[in-house]
């Protein structure tokens, strides 16, 4: 399973300090406890041999030390039956302490490796810009991830569940392990540089907090939030959500409409990028400055040149959506053009816009 499994199978997390140093509070704590255990064993063993066998302090300390460490040197004196039973207890305690020490050492090695992986992943995230921050990796988050991957969109996931983090590690996916409601985790995920934020955790209260924090950190990016209760949608929009999706309500409507209006549902699936259809919808932002030959739908000649249909135009300044726009409608830089057609033709049109912009 490699380094991903090693990181995921330990619950002992190292972290990078503000100075970039390795920090693991649990390691210092466990070492102190282990040293205290050895000290108690040495003291109790020494006093036990003095009291049970009448040994001198130095002989009793020596006897305790070689027994705890199981080095196998001979006893300094013949032991009584009681002393032999006591020695068995000291050996068991020593082996137990040694096993604990080995476990701490192994976890320290893994934690150190984890620290290097965290630093490497954080550097990759720090270099991202225009990515999507996905908060929550449950069943809904996993679907969102697949859609982002299909669109070749960079993204960073914020998730705190160890098992889900294990899955992300195996897939080599960029993520931040932690609570998405904590502002520092949003900052680590680069929300200030993000092209969008998706709040997809199960709790509506957490989603409200995520949206509020993300909006404060990035006032201009679109934020889409999940809402379990439709009554929470108003609150989410009030704190900065650009759009709110209620999965249960959306799923119920989809089930009913699939029976009542199956053709309309097929068309909606096209708009949502269903791969089972050959025809696709795509939003294309018009470049600035707008090149010649692209200043109206008539000039673009989408149908004759690209076999595409102009479904709608969203105005860049008012946000108003114009369905079935007229051919003579003027186009402006920043307008969003919603087109429908085969994916190959859409790609040709995108390439055409890039070439015209370069000219």
Protein backbone atom coordinates (compact mmCIF):
# COMPACT_ATOMS: atom_id res chain seq x y z
CA UNK A 1 0.00 0.00 0.00
CA UNK A 2 3.07 2.26 0.17
CA UNK A 3 3.49 5.59 1.84
CA UNK A 4 -0.21 6.42 1.54
CA UNK A 5 -1.24 3.48 3.69
CA UNK A 6 1.45 4.21 6.26
CA UNK A 7 0.17 7.71 6.71
CA UNK A 8 -3.47 6.73 6.79
CA UNK A 9 -3.18 3.80 9.19
CA UNK A 10 -1.74 5.86 12.03
CA UNK A 11 -3.86 8.22 14.06
CA UNK A 12 -0.77 10.03 15.30
CA UNK A 13 -0.48 13.20 13.27
CA UNK A 14 2.59 15.34 12.98
CA UNK A 15 2.26 18.93 11.94
CA UNK A 16 4.38 21.63 10.41
CA UNK A 17 5.09 24.46 12.81
CA UNK A 18 5.05 28.12 11.69
CA UNK A 19 8.84 27.90 11.39
CA UNK A 20 8.61 24.77 9.22
CA UNK A 21 9.87 22.41 11.93
CA UNK A 22 8.57 18.96 12.78
CA UNK A 23 6.18 18.95 15.72
CA UNK A 24 4.40 15.99 17.32
CA UNK A 25 3.03 16.72 20.78
CA UNK A 26 2.00 13.09 21.27
CA UNK A 27 5.64 11.98 20.81
CA UNK A 28 6.92 14.21 23.60
CA UNK A 29 4.04 13.12 25.83
CA UNK A 30 4.60 9.40 25.21
CA UNK A 31 8.36 9.68 25.73
CA UNK A 32 7.77 11.35 29.09
CA UNK A 33 5.36 8.59 30.07
CA UNK A 34 7.79 5.90 28.93
CA UNK A 35 10.67 7.42 30.88
CA UNK A 36 8.44 7.66 33.93
CA UNK A 37 7.51 3.97 33.51
CA UNK A 38 11.16 2.91 33.33
CA UNK A 39 11.97 5.04 36.36
CA UNK A 40 9.15 3.43 38.35
CA UNK A 41 10.33 -0.05 37.26
CA UNK A 42 13.93 0.66 38.27
CA UNK A 43 12.96 2.11 41.64
CA UNK A 44 10.34 -0.53 42.50
CA UNK A 45 12.59 -3.37 41.27
CA UNK A 46 15.58 -2.11 43.23
CA UNK A 47 13.58 -1.69 46.43
CA UNK A 48 11.94 -5.09 45.87
CA UNK A 49 15.29 -6.90 45.64
CA UNK A 50 16.60 -5.03 48.69
CA UNK A 51 13.54 -5.98 50.70
CA UNK A 52 13.02 -9.55 49.42
CA UNK A 53 16.61 -10.72 48.90
CA UNK A 54 18.55 -8.40 51.19
CA UNK A 55 20.79 -7.15 48.34
CA UNK A 56 22.76 -3.94 48.51
CA UNK A 57 21.40 -0.97 46.59
CA UNK A 58 23.96 -1.29 43.80
CA UNK A 59 23.41 -5.06 43.46
CA UNK A 60 19.64 -4.58 43.54
CA UNK A 61 19.84 -1.84 40.88
CA UNK A 62 22.11 -4.03 38.71
CA UNK A 63 19.76 -7.00 39.11
CA UNK A 64 16.75 -4.87 38.19
CA UNK A 65 18.47 -3.39 35.13
CA UNK A 66 19.61 -6.71 33.62
CA UNK A 67 16.17 -8.18 34.29
CA UNK A 68 14.27 -5.32 32.64
CA UNK A 69 16.56 -5.30 29.61
CA UNK A 70 16.61 -9.15 29.43
CA UNK A 71 20.35 -9.15 28.61
CA UNK A 72 20.75 -12.55 30.27
CA UNK A 73 23.68 -11.93 32.66
CA UNK A 74 23.79 -14.20 35.72
CA UNK A 75 22.15 -13.21 38.99
CA UNK A 76 24.31 -11.54 41.61
CA UNK A 77 22.94 -14.00 44.18
CA UNK A 78 20.82 -17.12 44.37
CA UNK A 79 17.18 -16.06 44.48
CA UNK A 80 14.58 -17.36 46.85
CA UNK A 81 11.28 -18.68 45.43
CA UNK A 82 9.69 -15.33 46.27
CA UNK A 83 12.55 -13.52 44.54
CA UNK A 84 12.13 -15.68 41.44
CA UNK A 85 8.41 -14.86 41.26
CA UNK A 86 9.26 -11.18 41.70
CA UNK A 87 11.84 -11.45 38.89
CA UNK A 88 9.21 -12.95 36.57
CA UNK A 89 7.03 -9.90 37.26
CA UNK A 90 9.93 -7.53 36.56
CA UNK A 91 10.66 -9.35 33.26
CA UNK A 92 7.02 -9.07 32.16
CA UNK A 93 6.97 -5.38 33.04
CA UNK A 94 10.26 -4.83 31.22
CA UNK A 95 9.11 -6.62 28.06
CA UNK A 96 5.86 -4.62 28.12
CA UNK A 97 7.77 -1.35 28.46
CA UNK A 98 10.10 -2.41 25.64
CA UNK A 99 7.16 -3.18 23.37
CA UNK A 100 5.68 0.22 24.11
CA UNK A 101 9.02 1.84 23.32
CA UNK A 102 9.20 -0.01 19.98
CA UNK A 103 5.67 1.11 19.14
CA UNK A 104 6.47 4.72 19.95
CA UNK A 105 9.61 4.54 17.81
CA UNK A 106 7.65 3.09 14.87
CA UNK A 107 4.97 5.75 15.17
CA UNK A 108 7.64 8.44 15.37
CA UNK A 109 9.19 7.21 12.11
CA UNK A 110 5.78 7.18 10.41
CA UNK A 111 4.93 10.61 11.82
CA UNK A 112 8.22 11.98 10.54
CA UNK A 113 7.42 10.59 7.10
CA UNK A 114 3.93 12.04 7.38
CA UNK A 115 5.44 15.43 8.06
CA UNK A 116 7.46 15.27 4.83
CA UNK A 117 4.36 14.21 2.87
CA UNK A 118 2.30 17.01 4.42
CA UNK A 119 4.93 19.58 3.55
CA UNK A 120 5.17 18.31 -0.03
CA UNK A 121 1.39 18.32 -0.45
CA UNK A 122 1.08 21.79 1.11
CA UNK A 123 3.67 23.14 -1.33
CA UNK A 124 1.62 21.78 -4.23
CA UNK A 125 -1.53 23.40 -2.82
CA UNK A 126 0.29 26.70 -2.26
CA UNK A 127 1.14 26.78 -5.97
CA UNK A 128 -2.48 26.29 -7.04
CA UNK A 129 -4.64 29.13 -8.28
CA UNK A 130 -8.07 29.06 -9.86
CA UNK A 131 -8.87 25.74 -8.22
CA UNK A 132 -12.01 24.57 -6.40
CA UNK A 133 -12.09 23.97 -2.65
CA UNK A 134 -14.41 21.04 -1.86
CA UNK A 135 -15.43 20.89 1.80
CA UNK A 136 -16.59 17.41 2.76
CA UNK A 137 -15.92 14.07 1.10
CA UNK A 138 -18.99 11.97 1.80
CA UNK A 139 -21.14 10.33 -0.86
CA UNK A 140 -22.10 13.70 -2.32
CA UNK A 141 -18.53 14.97 -2.16
CA UNK A 142 -17.28 11.90 -4.01
CA UNK A 143 -19.71 12.62 -6.86
CA UNK A 144 -18.58 16.25 -6.95
CA UNK A 145 -14.99 15.08 -7.12
CA UNK A 146 -15.71 12.86 -10.14
CA UNK A 147 -17.39 15.75 -11.93
CA UNK A 148 -14.44 18.06 -11.25
CA UNK A 149 -12.01 15.42 -12.50
CA UNK A 150 -14.08 14.90 -15.65
CA UNK A 151 -13.88 18.65 -16.29
CA UNK A 152 -10.08 18.64 -15.66
CA UNK A 153 -10.64 21.16 -12.86
CA UNK A 154 -7.98 21.41 -10.15
CA UNK A 155 -9.38 20.99 -6.64
CA UNK A 156 -8.44 20.56 -2.99
CA UNK A 157 -10.60 18.55 -0.57
CA UNK A 158 -10.99 19.37 3.12
CA UNK A 159 -11.94 16.25 5.10
CA UNK A 160 -11.36 15.14 8.69
CA UNK A 161 -12.48 11.48 8.66
CA UNK A 162 -9.44 9.14 8.79
CA UNK A 163 -11.00 6.46 6.56
CA UNK A 164 -11.91 8.95 3.84
CA UNK A 165 -8.47 10.51 4.10
CA UNK A 166 -7.02 7.03 3.56
CA UNK A 167 -8.95 6.81 0.29
CA UNK A 168 -7.71 10.22 -0.82
CA UNK A 169 -4.14 9.23 0.01
CA UNK A 170 -4.34 6.09 -2.08
CA UNK A 171 -5.65 8.16 -5.00
CA UNK A 172 -2.91 10.79 -4.50
CA UNK A 173 -5.54 13.52 -4.24
CA UNK A 174 -4.67 16.93 -2.82
CA UNK A 175 -6.43 17.46 0.50
CA UNK A 176 -6.27 19.09 3.89
CA UNK A 177 -7.13 16.86 6.84
CA UNK A 178 -9.16 18.86 9.30
CA UNK A 179 -12.47 20.53 10.02
CA UNK A 180 -13.64 22.72 7.14
CA UNK A 181 -15.34 25.08 9.59
CA UNK A 182 -11.92 26.09 10.91
CA UNK A 183 -10.68 29.12 9.01
CA UNK A 184 -7.05 27.99 9.08
CA UNK A 185 -7.95 24.89 7.05
CA UNK A 186 -9.69 27.01 4.42
CA UNK A 187 -6.57 29.16 4.24
CA UNK A 188 -4.35 26.08 3.88
CA UNK A 189 -6.56 24.93 1.00
CA UNK A 190 -5.95 28.26 -0.75
CA UNK A 191 -9.51 29.56 -0.63
CA UNK A 192 -8.27 33.14 -1.25
CA UNK A 193 -6.94 32.02 -4.66
CA UNK A 194 -9.81 29.63 -5.45
CA UNK A 195 -12.12 29.89 -8.44
CA UNK A 196 -14.95 28.46 -6.36
CA UNK A 197 -15.93 26.78 -3.10
CA UNK A 198 -18.33 23.87 -2.60
CA UNK A 199 -19.66 23.29 0.93
CA UNK A 200 -20.84 19.67 0.91
CA UNK A 201 -20.66 18.55 4.54
CA UNK A 202 -23.71 16.86 6.05
CA UNK A 203 -24.48 19.48 8.72
CA UNK A 204 -26.35 22.59 7.61
CA UNK A 205 -24.89 24.53 10.54
CA UNK A 206 -21.37 23.62 9.42
CA UNK A 207 -22.18 24.61 5.85
CA UNK A 208 -23.39 28.02 7.03
CA UNK A 209 -20.13 28.52 8.92
CA UNK A 210 -18.05 27.35 5.93
CA UNK A 211 -19.86 29.70 3.54
CA UNK A 212 -19.48 32.63 5.94
CA UNK A 213 -15.75 32.04 6.43
CA UNK A 214 -15.09 31.41 2.73
CA UNK A 215 -16.96 34.56 1.72
CA UNK A 216 -14.89 36.65 4.13
CA UNK A 217 -11.66 35.16 2.77
CA UNK A 218 -12.68 35.45 -0.89
CA UNK A 219 -15.43 38.03 -1.50
CA UNK A 220 -15.67 37.45 -5.25
CA UNK A 221 -15.58 33.69 -5.87
CA UNK A 222 -18.78 31.68 -6.41
CA UNK A 223 -19.78 29.51 -3.44
CA UNK A 224 -22.17 26.59 -3.83
CA UNK A 225 -23.56 24.95 -0.71
CA UNK A 226 -25.48 21.83 0.14
CA UNK A 227 -28.56 22.16 2.37
CA UNK A 228 -30.34 19.24 4.00
CA UNK A 229 -33.26 21.44 5.06
CA UNK A 230 -34.73 23.75 2.42
CA UNK A 231 -35.35 26.32 5.17
CA UNK A 232 -31.58 26.70 5.57
CA UNK A 233 -31.21 27.87 1.96
CA UNK A 234 -32.19 31.44 2.83
CA UNK A 235 -29.61 31.58 5.62
CA UNK A 236 -26.90 30.19 3.34
CA UNK A 237 -27.61 32.82 0.70
CA UNK A 238 -27.67 35.52 3.36
CA UNK A 239 -24.14 34.66 4.51
CA UNK A 240 -22.73 34.55 0.99
CA UNK A 241 -23.70 31.39 -0.91
CA UNK A 242 -24.08 32.02 -4.65
CA UNK A 243 -26.21 28.91 -5.07
CA UNK A 244 -27.79 26.36 -2.73
CA UNK A 245 -28.60 22.75 -3.64
CA UNK A 246 -30.98 20.59 -1.60
CA UNK A 247 -30.11 17.00 -2.61
CA UNK A 248 -33.29 15.34 -1.34
CA UNK A 249 -35.57 17.92 -2.95
CA UNK A 250 -33.60 17.79 -6.19
CA UNK A 251 -33.64 13.98 -6.20
CA UNK A 252 -37.38 13.84 -5.56
CA UNK A 253 -38.14 16.24 -8.39
CA UNK A 254 -35.82 14.29 -10.69
CA UNK A 255 -37.64 11.01 -9.93
CA UNK A 256 -41.06 12.52 -10.57
CA UNK A 257 -40.05 14.33 -13.76
CA UNK A 258 -38.30 11.23 -15.13
CA UNK A 259 -41.75 9.63 -15.20
CA UNK A 260 -43.85 12.67 -16.15
CA UNK A 261 -41.51 14.39 -18.63
CA UNK A 262 -38.76 11.94 -19.61
CA UNK A 263 -37.68 13.90 -22.70
CA UNK A 264 -37.31 17.10 -20.68
CA UNK A 265 -35.25 15.17 -18.14
CA UNK A 266 -32.99 13.91 -20.93
CA UNK A 267 -32.46 17.51 -21.96
CA UNK A 268 -31.64 18.44 -18.37
CA UNK A 269 -29.15 15.58 -18.24
CA UNK A 270 -27.48 17.06 -21.29
CA UNK A 271 -27.08 20.36 -19.47
CA UNK A 272 -25.56 18.53 -16.50
CA UNK A 273 -23.00 16.80 -18.68
CA UNK A 274 -24.37 13.26 -18.72
CA UNK A 275 -21.73 11.20 -20.56
CA UNK A 276 -24.35 8.81 -21.92
CA UNK A 277 -25.40 11.45 -24.47
CA UNK A 278 -23.41 12.55 -27.51
CA UNK A 279 -24.69 16.13 -27.26
CA UNK A 280 -23.34 18.44 -24.56
CA UNK A 281 -24.05 21.85 -23.09
CA UNK A 282 -21.14 24.15 -22.36
CA UNK A 283 -20.72 27.63 -20.86
CA UNK A 284 -18.11 29.65 -22.73
CA UNK A 285 -16.95 33.06 -21.48
CA UNK A 286 -16.32 35.53 -24.27
CA UNK A 287 -12.77 36.93 -24.17
CA UNK A 288 -11.71 40.50 -23.59
CA UNK A 289 -11.12 42.30 -25.84
CA UNK A 290 -13.73 40.74 -28.09
CA UNK A 291 -12.13 40.00 -31.47
CA UNK A 292 -13.65 41.00 -34.79
CA UNK A 293 -16.13 38.52 -36.14
CA UNK A 294 -17.34 37.66 -32.62
CA UNK A 295 -19.44 40.68 -31.75
CA UNK A 296 -22.83 39.14 -32.48
CA UNK A 297 -24.30 35.69 -32.94
CA UNK A 298 -24.79 36.45 -36.61
CA UNK A 299 -21.05 37.09 -37.00
CA UNK A 300 -20.16 33.90 -35.13
CA UNK A 301 -22.36 31.76 -37.38
CA UNK A 302 -22.43 28.98 -34.80
CA UNK A 303 -24.78 26.79 -36.80
CA UNK A 304 -23.09 26.90 -40.20
CA UNK A 305 -19.46 26.98 -39.03
CA UNK A 306 -19.53 24.84 -35.87
CA UNK A 307 -22.86 22.95 -35.92
CA UNK A 308 -23.69 24.44 -32.51
CA UNK A 309 -26.89 25.95 -31.13
CA UNK A 310 -26.82 29.13 -29.04
CA UNK A 311 -29.15 28.29 -26.16
CA UNK A 312 -28.68 31.41 -24.03
CA UNK A 313 -26.46 34.38 -23.26
CA UNK A 314 -25.81 35.64 -19.73
CA UNK A 315 -24.99 39.34 -19.58
CA UNK A 316 -21.65 40.12 -17.94
CA UNK A 317 -22.90 43.26 -16.19
CA UNK A 318 -26.47 42.46 -15.09
CA UNK A 319 -26.26 38.67 -14.87
CA UNK A 320 -29.53 38.45 -16.79
CA UNK A 321 -30.03 35.28 -18.83
CA UNK A 322 -31.38 35.66 -22.39
CA UNK A 323 -32.77 32.38 -23.76
CA UNK A 324 -32.87 31.75 -27.50
CA UNK A 325 -31.07 35.04 -28.22
CA UNK A 326 -31.63 36.85 -31.52
CA UNK A 327 -28.93 36.56 -34.16
CA UNK A 328 -28.39 40.34 -34.16
CA UNK A 329 -27.97 40.54 -30.37
CA UNK A 330 -24.63 42.22 -29.63
CA UNK A 331 -22.08 40.31 -27.57
CA UNK A 332 -19.70 41.86 -25.04
CA UNK A 333 -16.49 40.75 -23.34
CA UNK A 334 -17.29 38.69 -20.25
CA UNK A 335 -20.69 37.52 -21.49
CA UNK A 336 -21.34 33.81 -20.99
CA UNK A 337 -22.46 31.96 -24.09
CA UNK A 338 -24.37 28.72 -23.45
CA UNK A 339 -24.07 26.46 -26.48
CA UNK A 340 -25.31 22.96 -27.28
CA UNK A 341 -23.71 20.46 -29.63
CA UNK A 342 -21.27 17.61 -29.96
CA UNK A 343 -18.20 17.82 -27.74
CA UNK A 344 -15.81 17.87 -30.70
CA UNK A 345 -17.57 20.90 -32.19
CA UNK A 346 -17.58 22.67 -28.84
CA UNK A 347 -13.83 22.12 -28.56
CA UNK A 348 -13.34 23.53 -32.07
CA UNK A 349 -15.32 26.64 -31.12
CA UNK A 350 -13.26 27.12 -27.95
CA UNK A 351 -10.08 26.83 -30.00
CA UNK A 352 -11.50 29.37 -32.46
CA UNK A 353 -12.09 31.87 -29.64
CA UNK A 354 -8.56 31.39 -28.33
CA UNK A 355 -7.06 31.90 -31.78
CA UNK A 356 -9.10 35.04 -32.40
CA UNK A 357 -8.09 36.40 -29.01
CA UNK A 358 -4.42 35.75 -29.82
CA UNK A 359 -4.80 37.62 -33.12
